[in-house]
Protein backbone atom coordinates (compact mmCIF):
# COMPACT_ATOMS: atom_id res chain seq x y z
CA UNK A 1 0.00 0.00 0.00
CA UNK A 2 1.33 3.40 -0.97
CA UNK A 3 1.10 6.79 0.65
CA UNK A 4 -0.88 9.72 -0.73
CA UNK A 5 -1.48 13.42 -0.10
CA UNK A 6 -4.90 15.01 0.36
CA UNK A 7 -5.53 18.72 -0.03
CA UNK A 8 -8.59 20.51 1.22
CA UNK A 9 -9.64 22.98 -1.48
CA UNK A 10 -10.92 26.30 -0.16
CA UNK A 11 -8.25 28.43 1.59
CA UNK A 12 -5.84 25.50 1.42
CA UNK A 13 -5.25 24.73 -2.24
CA UNK A 14 -6.91 27.95 -3.43
CA UNK A 15 -7.30 31.30 -1.72
CA UNK A 16 -11.10 31.60 -1.73
CA UNK A 17 -14.26 29.56 -1.63
CA UNK A 18 -14.49 27.82 -5.00
CA UNK A 19 -18.28 27.69 -4.91
CA UNK A 20 -18.63 31.39 -4.14
CA UNK A 21 -15.97 32.26 -6.72
CA UNK A 22 -18.20 30.68 -9.38
CA UNK A 23 -21.11 33.00 -8.56
CA UNK A 24 -20.15 35.46 -11.29
CA UNK A 25 -20.05 32.64 -13.83
CA UNK A 26 -23.62 31.73 -12.87
CA UNK A 27 -24.68 35.36 -13.04
CA UNK A 28 -23.16 35.72 -16.52
CA UNK A 29 -25.36 32.87 -17.72
CA UNK A 30 -28.45 34.33 -16.09
CA UNK A 31 -28.69 31.44 -13.64
CA UNK A 32 -28.72 33.65 -10.54
CA UNK A 33 -30.04 37.13 -9.82
CA UNK A 34 -27.96 40.19 -9.02
CA UNK A 35 -29.01 40.05 -5.36
CA UNK A 36 -27.85 36.43 -5.18
CA UNK A 37 -24.47 37.61 -6.43
CA UNK A 38 -24.38 40.23 -3.68
CA UNK A 39 -25.18 37.55 -1.08
CA UNK A 40 -22.35 35.40 -2.42
CA UNK A 41 -19.94 38.34 -2.16
CA UNK A 42 -20.98 38.94 1.44
CA UNK A 43 -20.58 35.26 2.28
CA UNK A 44 -17.12 35.32 0.71
CA UNK A 45 -16.10 38.06 3.13
CA UNK A 46 -17.35 35.96 6.04
CA UNK A 47 -15.51 32.92 4.68
CA UNK A 48 -12.26 34.85 4.29
CA UNK A 49 -12.46 36.14 7.86
CA UNK A 50 -13.81 33.15 9.76
CA UNK A 51 -13.50 30.06 7.54
CA UNK A 52 -15.81 27.29 6.40
CA UNK A 53 -17.16 26.49 9.85
CA UNK A 54 -19.17 29.73 9.98
CA UNK A 55 -22.91 29.11 9.78
CA UNK A 56 -23.47 31.81 7.13
CA UNK A 57 -21.15 29.98 4.75
CA UNK A 58 -23.12 26.78 5.33
CA UNK A 59 -26.34 28.63 4.63
CA UNK A 60 -24.87 29.92 1.38
CA UNK A 61 -23.99 26.35 0.38
CA UNK A 62 -27.57 25.25 1.02
CA UNK A 63 -28.89 28.19 -1.00
CA UNK A 64 -26.52 27.31 -3.84
CA UNK A 65 -27.97 23.81 -4.04
CA UNK A 66 -31.48 25.26 -4.34
CA UNK A 67 -30.27 27.45 -7.20
CA UNK A 68 -28.95 24.35 -9.00
CA UNK A 69 -32.37 22.66 -9.05
CA UNK A 70 -33.10 21.58 -12.62
CA UNK A 71 -29.64 22.47 -13.92
CA UNK A 72 -28.19 19.74 -16.18
CA UNK A 73 -25.02 18.17 -14.78
CA UNK A 74 -23.38 18.60 -18.18
CA UNK A 75 -23.93 22.36 -17.94
CA UNK A 76 -22.33 22.43 -14.48
CA UNK A 77 -19.28 20.67 -15.87
CA UNK A 78 -19.20 23.14 -18.75
CA UNK A 79 -19.35 26.11 -16.37
CA UNK A 80 -16.54 24.69 -14.23
CA UNK A 81 -14.38 24.07 -17.29
CA UNK A 82 -14.97 27.58 -18.67
CA UNK A 83 -14.28 29.14 -15.26
CA UNK A 84 -10.94 27.40 -14.80
CA UNK A 85 -8.73 29.85 -16.69
CA UNK A 86 -10.27 33.21 -15.71
CA UNK A 87 -11.68 32.42 -12.26
CA UNK A 88 -10.23 29.35 -10.53
CA UNK A 89 -6.68 29.02 -11.84
CA UNK A 90 -5.58 32.47 -10.55
CA UNK A 91 -6.63 31.43 -7.02
CA UNK A 92 -4.27 28.43 -6.76
CA UNK A 93 -1.55 28.73 -4.14
CA UNK A 94 1.99 28.20 -5.41
CA UNK A 95 3.08 26.64 -2.12
CA UNK A 96 0.32 24.04 -2.43
CA UNK A 97 1.52 23.05 -5.89
CA UNK A 98 5.09 22.83 -4.62
CA UNK A 99 3.96 20.45 -1.88
CA UNK A 100 1.97 18.41 -4.40
CA UNK A 101 5.02 18.18 -6.66
CA UNK A 102 7.13 16.91 -3.76
CA UNK A 103 4.57 14.20 -3.05
CA UNK A 104 4.53 13.20 -6.71
CA UNK A 105 8.33 13.04 -6.72
CA UNK A 106 8.11 10.55 -3.85
CA UNK A 107 5.72 8.44 -5.89
CA UNK A 108 2.67 9.44 -3.87
CA UNK A 109 -0.71 10.09 -5.41
CA UNK A 110 -2.34 13.48 -4.81
CA UNK A 111 -6.05 14.11 -4.27
CA UNK A 112 -8.36 16.99 -3.44
CA UNK A 113 -10.82 16.40 -0.59
CA UNK A 114 -13.45 19.11 -0.41
CA UNK A 115 -16.99 19.95 0.65
CA UNK A 116 -17.43 21.70 -2.69
CA UNK A 117 -19.45 20.09 -5.47
CA UNK A 118 -17.92 16.99 -7.07
CA UNK A 119 -18.11 18.30 -10.62
CA UNK A 120 -16.18 21.46 -9.71
CA UNK A 121 -13.57 19.68 -7.61
CA UNK A 122 -12.96 17.05 -10.30
CA UNK A 123 -12.35 19.80 -12.85
CA UNK A 124 -9.73 21.46 -10.63
CA UNK A 125 -8.07 18.15 -9.79
CA UNK A 126 -7.82 17.21 -13.46
CA UNK A 127 -6.43 20.60 -14.47
CA UNK A 128 -3.71 20.38 -11.82
CA UNK A 129 -2.70 16.86 -12.82
CA UNK A 130 -3.82 15.24 -9.57
CA UNK A 131 -4.98 11.65 -9.35
CA UNK A 132 -8.53 12.33 -8.24
CA UNK A 133 -10.94 13.98 -5.83
CA UNK A 134 -13.54 13.29 -3.20
CA UNK A 135 -16.21 15.94 -2.73
CA UNK A 136 -19.84 16.65 -1.92
CA UNK A 137 -22.19 14.80 -4.24
CA UNK A 138 -25.47 16.30 -5.38
CA UNK A 139 -28.59 14.27 -6.03
CA UNK A 140 -29.22 13.88 -9.76
CA UNK A 141 -32.32 12.66 -11.57
CA UNK A 142 -32.69 12.53 -15.31
CA UNK A 143 -29.29 14.16 -15.74
CA UNK A 144 -30.25 17.27 -13.71
CA UNK A 145 -29.75 18.36 -10.11
CA UNK A 146 -32.70 18.02 -7.76
CA UNK A 147 -31.47 20.79 -5.46
CA UNK A 148 -30.49 18.36 -2.68
CA UNK A 149 -27.20 16.86 -1.61
CA UNK A 150 -26.66 13.10 -1.41
CA UNK A 151 -23.40 13.52 0.48
CA UNK A 152 -21.91 16.60 2.09
CA UNK A 153 -18.19 16.13 2.73
CA UNK A 154 -18.06 18.03 5.98
CA UNK A 155 -16.73 17.10 9.41
CA UNK A 156 -16.76 13.37 10.14
CA UNK A 157 -18.20 12.61 6.70
CA UNK A 158 -14.99 13.80 5.09
CA UNK A 159 -12.92 11.41 7.19
CA UNK A 160 -15.29 8.56 6.33
CA UNK A 161 -14.98 9.29 2.60
CA UNK A 162 -11.21 9.45 2.94
CA UNK A 163 -11.07 6.02 4.55
CA UNK A 164 -13.34 4.60 1.87
CA UNK A 165 -11.04 5.97 -0.84
CA UNK A 166 -8.02 4.53 0.94
CA UNK A 167 -9.56 1.05 0.98
CA UNK A 168 -10.61 1.32 -2.66
CA UNK A 169 -7.26 2.64 -3.90
CA UNK A 170 -4.92 0.75 -1.60
CA UNK A 171 -3.65 3.82 0.25
CA UNK A 172 -1.83 3.59 3.57
CA UNK A 173 -3.30 6.49 5.55
CA UNK A 174 -0.75 6.11 8.33
CA UNK A 175 1.95 7.12 5.83
CA UNK A 176 -0.18 9.76 4.12
CA UNK A 177 -0.45 13.54 4.49
CA UNK A 178 -3.48 15.80 4.70
CA UNK A 179 -3.63 19.58 4.45
CA UNK A 180 -6.47 21.82 5.66
CA UNK A 181 -7.26 25.27 7.02
CA UNK A 182 -10.44 24.56 8.99
CA UNK A 183 -11.21 23.16 12.43
CA UNK A 184 -14.15 21.35 10.82
CA UNK A 185 -11.51 19.17 9.16
CA UNK A 186 -9.93 17.89 12.38
CA UNK A 187 -11.43 14.38 11.80
CA UNK A 188 -10.02 14.47 8.25
CA UNK A 189 -6.58 15.48 9.54
CA UNK A 190 -6.70 12.87 12.30
CA UNK A 191 -7.29 10.15 9.69
CA UNK A 192 -3.73 10.39 8.34
CA UNK A 193 -0.31 9.98 9.87
CA UNK A 194 0.93 13.41 8.80
CA UNK A 195 -1.65 16.20 9.30
CA UNK A 196 -0.68 19.75 8.28
CA UNK A 197 -2.58 22.92 9.20
CA UNK A 198 -2.52 25.46 6.37
CA UNK A 199 -3.64 29.06 6.95
CA UNK A 200 -5.50 27.67 9.99
CA UNK A 201 -8.52 29.27 11.58
CA UNK A 202 -8.23 30.06 15.28
CA UNK A 203 -9.65 26.75 16.48
CA UNK A 204 -7.45 24.65 14.18
CA UNK A 205 -4.40 26.70 15.16
CA UNK A 206 -5.10 25.79 18.77
CA UNK A 207 -5.52 22.08 17.97
CA UNK A 208 -2.32 22.08 15.90
CA UNK A 209 -0.41 23.70 18.75
CA UNK A 210 -1.73 21.19 21.29
CA UNK A 211 -0.91 18.19 19.11
CA UNK A 212 2.34 19.39 17.58
CA UNK A 213 1.02 19.44 14.02
CA UNK A 214 3.01 21.47 11.48
CA UNK A 215 1.49 24.83 10.53
CA UNK A 216 2.10 26.27 7.07
CA UNK A 217 1.25 29.66 5.60
CA UNK A 218 0.33 29.67 1.91
CA UNK A 219 0.03 33.11 0.32
CA UNK A 220 1.58 33.24 -3.15
CA UNK A 221 -0.48 32.66 -6.28
CA UNK A 222 0.96 30.00 -8.57
CA UNK A 223 -0.22 31.54 -11.81
CA UNK A 224 -0.16 35.29 -11.13
CA UNK A 225 0.96 37.33 -14.10
CA UNK A 226 0.51 34.45 -16.53
């Protein structure tokens, strides 16, 4: 069994919430109203200041699922692909890619593990040359979203999904590394032998200090000026 590396997405691999960053792409297609865009911008400010554990960010995620009701999955994939270059790529942290490259050099597979929507996370993982992703999965009927989630990769559920992936892919979690910014990901970080706190919120910073986990600060954009 080989080791692997797992990166949380928002504020760990990229500098913002991926879901909220896509709000303008939805607005451009007429899929959300101007006031919804304003709500997303406000939620982004909360996210940047307090992290994913804040209740207002969770409420925004629930609202986003309602907005997706009836949207074809193929269109979601198309939006994510089109948003990569102008919206998502500029948010990627250079330090995260350097860490990922080091893991690859050691022969370790690299994955994204995120509460964001599977279709979006898979697009980012593929673009960055990672081996895969685990993410929140929306309920789909007839090729379109119902507006409900089948699986939200948050808290303990993220650790459960990680262990399932490890069994399926033959990954030794005791030798693996996980990176995250949020205290909600403590179970996810505890699931591996080498947890790393990246840009940690206050609660995760405290846990990392108590347990002697490494703390990293990512701040440089990988693709700025390109």
